[in-house]
Amino acid sequence: MDQATVIEETRRWIQSIVIGLNLCPFARRVFNDNTIRYVVSEATDEQSLLTDLATEMNNLATVPRTEVETTVLIHPAVFHDFLDYNDFLDPAEHLLETLGHEGVLQLASFHPQYQFGGTKPDDVENHTNRSPYPMLHLLREESITEIADDQEALEAIPERNIETLRKLGREAILEKLREITIR
């Protein structure tokens, strides 16, 4: 596994999909400020990934925001199956609470086969959370709170994203994803 390639493809995905389609209105600033920490985990099992996740949670909670605003923990060697990945989110959230980071950090989940409940695998809205690799995004709650002063606008983001992706169409999204791949 070439970590530089994994990070570069993740950066391209954030730039092209997340920022390019304005799926997350908060991403542009941290991307442009270069305050996203990209970590590639070499974990091949749940326990190793939980260990890496704990390390990154503790790091993010203690490092100044001016240095690292958010962390993307990419784990290409574990949880290729989305249902297994989805099951892992409960222990990941439990770890957040156990380490005392509840109310300080949040987890966002992304996976190449991400599928929202009530959707079909090929439904375009699943691409709002589909990434080149399985990954966990650690966010600081204070960062979200500062930016999200309009609760109504914040709650409208998922529906706006679905509409954006439906207008673009599945084939156009798949083409964008092919363009970010450098393997």
C-alpha atoms as a PDB file:
ATOM      1  CA  MET A   1       0.000   0.000   0.000  1.00  0.00           C
ATOM      2  CA  ASP A   2       1.515   3.299  -1.106  1.00  0.00           C
ATOM      3  CA  GLN A   3       0.485   5.828   1.533  1.00  0.00           C
ATOM      4  CA  ALA A   4       1.347   8.828  -0.661  1.00  0.00           C
ATOM      5  CA  THR A   5      -1.058   7.584  -3.360  1.00  0.00           C
ATOM      6  CA  VAL A   6      -3.816   6.929  -0.815  1.00  0.00           C
ATOM      7  CA  ILE A   7      -3.431  10.458   0.579  1.00  0.00           C
ATOM      8  CA  GLU A   8      -3.243  12.077  -2.859  1.00  0.00           C
ATOM      9  CA  GLU A   9      -6.388  10.301  -4.059  1.00  0.00           C
ATOM     10  CA  THR A  10      -8.163  11.328  -0.862  1.00  0.00           C
ATOM     11  CA  ARG A  11      -7.072  14.946  -1.364  1.00  0.00           C
ATOM     12  CA  ARG A  12      -8.283  14.829  -4.984  1.00  0.00           C
ATOM     13  CA  TRP A  13     -11.626  13.397  -3.826  1.00  0.00           C
ATOM     14  CA  ILE A  14     -12.048  16.171  -1.272  1.00  0.00           C
ATOM     15  CA  GLN A  15     -11.141  18.813  -3.842  1.00  0.00           C
ATOM     16  CA  SER A  16     -13.204  17.439  -6.741  1.00  0.00           C
ATOM     17  CA  ILE A  17     -16.230  15.918  -5.024  1.00  0.00           C
ATOM     18  CA  VAL A  18     -16.582  17.361  -1.529  1.00  0.00           C
ATOM     19  CA  ILE A  19     -15.476  20.917  -2.363  1.00  0.00           C
ATOM     20  CA  GLY A  20     -16.097  20.896  -6.107  1.00  0.00           C
ATOM     21  CA  LEU A  21     -19.745  19.919  -5.662  1.00  0.00           C
ATOM     22  CA  ASN A  22     -20.032  21.937  -2.427  1.00  0.00           C
ATOM     23  CA  LEU A  23     -21.202  18.867  -0.497  1.00  0.00           C
ATOM     24  CA  CYS A  24     -19.635  20.261   2.669  1.00  0.00           C
ATOM     25  CA  PRO A  25     -19.573  24.045   2.973  1.00  0.00           C
ATOM     26  CA  PHE A  26     -16.917  23.786   5.714  1.00  0.00           C
ATOM     27  CA  ALA A  27     -14.338  21.809   3.741  1.00  0.00           C
ATOM     28  CA  ARG A  28     -12.942  24.544   1.485  1.00  0.00           C
ATOM     29  CA  ARG A  29     -11.435  26.623   4.282  1.00  0.00           C
ATOM     30  CA  VAL A  30      -9.630  23.761   6.043  1.00  0.00           C
ATOM     31  CA  PHE A  31      -8.464  22.333   2.717  1.00  0.00           C
ATOM     32  CA  ASN A  32      -7.099  25.688   1.545  1.00  0.00           C
ATOM     33  CA  ASP A  33      -5.563  26.392   4.974  1.00  0.00           C
ATOM     34  CA  ASN A  34      -3.868  22.978   4.837  1.00  0.00           C
ATOM     35  CA  THR A  35      -5.149  22.118   8.324  1.00  0.00           C
ATOM     36  CA  ILE A  36      -6.455  18.654   7.439  1.00  0.00           C
ATOM     37  CA  ARG A  37      -4.319  15.865   8.851  1.00  0.00           C
ATOM     38  CA  TYR A  38      -4.311  12.801   6.584  1.00  0.00           C
ATOM     39  CA  VAL A  39      -3.387   9.542   8.303  1.00  0.00           C
ATOM     40  CA  VAL A  40      -3.208   6.191   6.552  1.00  0.00           C
ATOM     41  CA  SER A  41      -3.751   3.342   8.980  1.00  0.00           C
ATOM     42  CA  GLU A  42      -2.079   0.047   8.222  1.00  0.00           C
ATOM     43  CA  ALA A  43      -4.625  -1.741  10.414  1.00  0.00           C
ATOM     44  CA  THR A  44      -5.914  -5.049   9.098  1.00  0.00           C
ATOM     45  CA  ASP A  45      -8.359  -5.773  11.929  1.00  0.00           C
ATOM     46  CA  GLU A  46     -10.851  -3.951  14.117  1.00  0.00           C
ATOM     47  CA  GLN A  47      -8.681  -3.774  17.235  1.00  0.00           C
ATOM     48  CA  SER A  48      -5.720  -2.264  15.377  1.00  0.00           C
ATOM     49  CA  LEU A  49      -7.983   0.298  13.777  1.00  0.00           C
ATOM     50  CA  LEU A  50      -9.493   1.196  17.163  1.00  0.00           C
ATOM     51  CA  THR A  51      -5.948   1.726  18.468  1.00  0.00           C
ATOM     52  CA  ASP A  52      -5.128   4.041  15.539  1.00  0.00           C
ATOM     53  CA  LEU A  53      -8.449   5.819  15.982  1.00  0.00           C
ATOM     54  CA  ALA A  54      -7.763   6.394  19.687  1.00  0.00           C
ATOM     55  CA  THR A  55      -4.351   7.858  18.853  1.00  0.00           C
ATOM     56  CA  GLU A  56      -5.852  10.237  16.299  1.00  0.00           C
ATOM     57  CA  MET A  57      -8.714  11.277  18.587  1.00  0.00           C
ATOM     58  CA  ASN A  58      -6.267  12.109  21.356  1.00  0.00           C
ATOM     59  CA  ASN A  59      -3.961  13.946  18.934  1.00  0.00           C
ATOM     60  CA  LEU A  60      -6.759  16.058  17.499  1.00  0.00           C
ATOM     61  CA  ALA A  61      -8.117  16.893  20.950  1.00  0.00           C
ATOM     62  CA  THR A  62      -4.727  18.232  22.067  1.00  0.00           C
ATOM     63  CA  VAL A  63      -3.209  19.846  18.955  1.00  0.00           C
ATOM     64  CA  PRO A  64      -4.052  23.540  18.381  1.00  0.00           C
ATOM     65  CA  ARG A  65      -6.675  24.189  15.698  1.00  0.00           C
ATOM     66  CA  THR A  66      -4.235  26.450  13.877  1.00  0.00           C
ATOM     67  CA  GLU A  67      -2.102  23.370  13.210  1.00  0.00           C
ATOM     68  CA  VAL A  68      -4.760  20.685  12.662  1.00  0.00           C
ATOM     69  CA  GLU A  69      -8.438  21.522  12.316  1.00  0.00           C
ATOM     70  CA  THR A  70      -9.640  18.066  11.345  1.00  0.00           C
ATOM     71  CA  THR A  71      -8.274  14.562  10.734  1.00  0.00           C
ATOM     72  CA  VAL A  72      -9.056  12.031   8.034  1.00  0.00           C
ATOM     73  CA  LEU A  73      -8.121   8.509   9.145  1.00  0.00           C
ATOM     74  CA  ILE A  74      -7.961   6.405   5.993  1.00  0.00           C
ATOM     75  CA  HIS A  75      -7.944   2.638   6.472  1.00  0.00           C
ATOM     76  CA  PRO A  76      -7.639   0.891   3.104  1.00  0.00           C
ATOM     77  CA  ALA A  77      -6.723  -2.557   4.467  1.00  0.00           C
ATOM     78  CA  VAL A  78      -9.714  -3.154   6.727  1.00  0.00           C
ATOM     79  CA  PHE A  79     -13.520  -3.054   6.352  1.00  0.00           C
ATOM     80  CA  HIS A  80     -13.836  -3.373   2.586  1.00  0.00           C
ATOM     81  CA  ASP A  81     -17.391  -4.624   3.116  1.00  0.00           C
ATOM     82  CA  PHE A  82     -19.695  -1.715   3.909  1.00  0.00           C
ATOM     83  CA  LEU A  83     -21.869  -3.669   6.351  1.00  0.00           C
ATOM     84  CA  ASP A  84     -18.784  -4.636   8.394  1.00  0.00           C
ATOM     85  CA  TYR A  85     -17.636  -1.021   8.273  1.00  0.00           C
ATOM     86  CA  ASN A  86     -21.067   0.186   9.339  1.00  0.00           C
ATOM     87  CA  ASP A  87     -21.021  -2.244  12.289  1.00  0.00           C
ATOM     88  CA  PHE A  88     -17.619  -0.816  13.293  1.00  0.00           C
ATOM     89  CA  LEU A  89     -19.105   2.655  13.748  1.00  0.00           C
ATOM     90  CA  ASP A  90     -20.706   1.643  17.073  1.00  0.00           C
ATOM     91  CA  PRO A  91     -17.381   0.648  18.698  1.00  0.00           C
ATOM     92  CA  ALA A  92     -15.815   3.781  17.182  1.00  0.00           C
ATOM     93  CA  GLU A  93     -18.478   5.994  18.790  1.00  0.00           C
ATOM     94  CA  HIS A  94     -18.085   4.095  22.060  1.00  0.00           C
ATOM     95  CA  LEU A  95     -14.333   4.773  21.925  1.00  0.00           C
ATOM     96  CA  LEU A  96     -15.025   8.487  21.471  1.00  0.00           C
ATOM     97  CA  GLU A  97     -17.141   8.449  24.650  1.00  0.00           C
ATOM     98  CA  THR A  98     -14.703   6.261  26.611  1.00  0.00           C
ATOM     99  CA  LEU A  99     -11.800   8.617  25.848  1.00  0.00           C
ATOM    100  CA  GLY A 100     -13.854  11.581  27.057  1.00  0.00           C
ATOM    101  CA  HIS A 101     -14.091  13.264  23.656  1.00  0.00           C
ATOM    102  CA  GLU A 102     -17.894  13.287  23.417  1.00  0.00           C
ATOM    103  CA  GLY A 103     -18.935  16.904  22.937  1.00  0.00           C
ATOM    104  CA  VAL A 104     -15.412  17.724  21.741  1.00  0.00           C
ATOM    105  CA  LEU A 105     -15.044  15.577  18.609  1.00  0.00           C
ATOM    106  CA  GLN A 106     -17.457  14.051  16.113  1.00  0.00           C
ATOM    107  CA  LEU A 107     -17.049  11.156  13.709  1.00  0.00           C
ATOM    108  CA  ALA A 108     -18.195  11.285  10.108  1.00  0.00           C
ATOM    109  CA  SER A 109     -18.118   8.103   8.051  1.00  0.00           C
ATOM    110  CA  PHE A 110     -17.160   7.543   4.413  1.00  0.00           C
ATOM    111  CA  HIS A 111     -16.780   4.334   2.441  1.00  0.00           C
ATOM    112  CA  PRO A 112     -16.532   3.340  -1.257  1.00  0.00           C
ATOM    113  CA  GLN A 113     -19.817   1.375  -0.993  1.00  0.00           C
ATOM    114  CA  TYR A 114     -21.595   3.708   1.434  1.00  0.00           C
ATOM    115  CA  GLN A 115     -25.329   3.128   1.391  1.00  0.00           C
ATOM    116  CA  PHE A 116     -27.947   5.029   3.337  1.00  0.00           C
ATOM    117  CA  GLY A 117     -30.817   3.055   4.835  1.00  0.00           C
ATOM    118  CA  GLY A 118     -33.777   2.870   2.492  1.00  0.00           C
ATOM    119  CA  THR A 119     -31.680   3.334  -0.671  1.00  0.00           C
ATOM    120  CA  LYS A 120     -30.537   0.949  -3.390  1.00  0.00           C
ATOM    121  CA  PRO A 121     -26.796   0.427  -3.925  1.00  0.00           C
ATOM    122  CA  ASP A 122     -26.813   2.425  -7.184  1.00  0.00           C
ATOM    123  CA  ASP A 123     -28.853   5.364  -5.872  1.00  0.00           C
ATOM    124  CA  VAL A 124     -26.953   8.546  -6.564  1.00  0.00           C
ATOM    125  CA  GLU A 125     -27.441  10.015  -3.076  1.00  0.00           C
ATOM    126  CA  ASN A 126     -25.136   7.368  -1.624  1.00  0.00           C
ATOM    127  CA  HIS A 127     -22.257   9.234  -3.286  1.00  0.00           C
ATOM    128  CA  THR A 128     -22.502  12.017  -0.703  1.00  0.00           C
ATOM    129  CA  ASN A 129     -20.627   9.632   1.621  1.00  0.00           C
ATOM    130  CA  ARG A 130     -18.717   7.523  -0.881  1.00  0.00           C
ATOM    131  CA  SER A 131     -14.970   7.939  -0.810  1.00  0.00           C
ATOM    132  CA  PRO A 132     -12.037   6.284  -2.574  1.00  0.00           C
ATOM    133  CA  TYR A 133     -11.176   4.308   0.590  1.00  0.00           C
ATOM    134  CA  PRO A 134     -12.889   3.466   3.867  1.00  0.00           C
ATOM    135  CA  MET A 135     -12.225   6.399   6.187  1.00  0.00           C
ATOM    136  CA  LEU A 136     -13.262   8.113   9.365  1.00  0.00           C
ATOM    137  CA  HIS A 137     -13.348  11.882   9.533  1.00  0.00           C
ATOM    138  CA  LEU A 138     -12.695  13.403  12.942  1.00  0.00           C
ATOM    139  CA  LEU A 139     -14.143  16.871  13.386  1.00  0.00           C
ATOM    140  CA  ARG A 140     -13.919  19.331  16.246  1.00  0.00           C
ATOM    141  CA  GLU A 141     -17.374  20.206  17.528  1.00  0.00           C
ATOM    142  CA  GLU A 142     -16.336  23.789  18.272  1.00  0.00           C
ATOM    143  CA  SER A 143     -15.363  24.246  14.616  1.00  0.00           C
ATOM    144  CA  ILE A 144     -18.772  23.054  13.469  1.00  0.00           C
ATOM    145  CA  THR A 145     -20.570  25.212  16.035  1.00  0.00           C
ATOM    146  CA  GLU A 146     -18.699  28.348  14.971  1.00  0.00           C
ATOM    147  CA  ILE A 147     -19.530  27.855  11.310  1.00  0.00           C
ATOM    148  CA  ALA A 148     -23.042  26.481  11.744  1.00  0.00           C
ATOM    149  CA  ASP A 149     -24.794  29.500  13.200  1.00  0.00           C
ATOM    150  CA  ASP A 150     -27.808  28.922  10.938  1.00  0.00           C
ATOM    151  CA  GLN A 151     -29.293  25.618  12.122  1.00  0.00           C
ATOM    152  CA  GLU A 152     -31.895  25.584   9.361  1.00  0.00           C
ATOM    153  CA  ALA A 153     -29.239  25.953   6.655  1.00  0.00           C
ATOM    154  CA  LEU A 154     -27.167  23.239   8.321  1.00  0.00           C
ATOM    155  CA  GLU A 155     -30.083  20.813   8.369  1.00  0.00           C
ATOM    156  CA  ALA A 156     -30.777  21.531   4.684  1.00  0.00           C
ATOM    157  CA  ILE A 157     -27.318  20.359   3.569  1.00  0.00           C
ATOM    158  CA  PRO A 158     -28.196  16.656   3.075  1.00  0.00           C
ATOM    159  CA  GLU A 159     -31.239  17.422   0.904  1.00  0.00           C
ATOM    160  CA  ARG A 160     -29.281  20.011  -1.087  1.00  0.00           C
ATOM    161  CA  ASN A 161     -26.514  17.461  -1.635  1.00  0.00           C
ATOM    162  CA  ILE A 162     -28.957  14.827  -2.852  1.00  0.00           C
ATOM    163  CA  GLU A 163     -30.446  17.312  -5.309  1.00  0.00           C
ATOM    164  CA  THR A 164     -26.974  18.313  -6.525  1.00  0.00           C
ATOM    165  CA  LEU A 165     -26.025  14.700  -7.162  1.00  0.00           C
ATOM    166  CA  ARG A 166     -29.316  13.868  -8.855  1.00  0.00           C
ATOM    167  CA  LYS A 167     -28.883  16.823 -11.224  1.00  0.00           C
ATOM    168  CA  LEU A 168     -25.318  15.801 -11.995  1.00  0.00           C
ATOM    169  CA  GLY A 169     -26.253  12.154 -12.523  1.00  0.00           C
ATOM    170  CA  ARG A 170     -24.590   8.903 -11.632  1.00  0.00           C
ATOM    171  CA  GLU A 171     -22.412   8.640 -14.755  1.00  0.00           C
ATOM    172  CA  ALA A 172     -20.972  12.141 -14.274  1.00  0.00           C
ATOM    173  CA  ILE A 173     -20.140  11.338 -10.649  1.00  0.00           C
ATOM    174  CA  LEU A 174     -18.480   8.069 -11.644  1.00  0.00           C
ATOM    175  CA  GLU A 175     -16.418   9.952 -14.236  1.00  0.00           C
ATOM    176  CA  LYS A 176     -15.293  12.451 -11.578  1.00  0.00           C
ATOM    177  CA  LEU A 177     -14.268   9.530  -9.373  1.00  0.00           C
ATOM    178  CA  ARG A 178     -12.289   7.927 -12.221  1.00  0.00           C
ATOM    179  CA  GLU A 179     -10.451  11.224 -12.710  1.00  0.00           C
ATOM    180  CA  ILE A 180      -9.135  11.289  -9.141  1.00  0.00           C
ATOM    181  CA  THR A 181      -7.681   7.777  -9.330  1.00  0.00           C
ATOM    182  CA  ILE A 182      -3.922   7.663  -9.875  1.00  0.00           C
ATOM    183  CA  ARG A 183      -3.375   3.920  -9.316  1.00  0.00           C
END
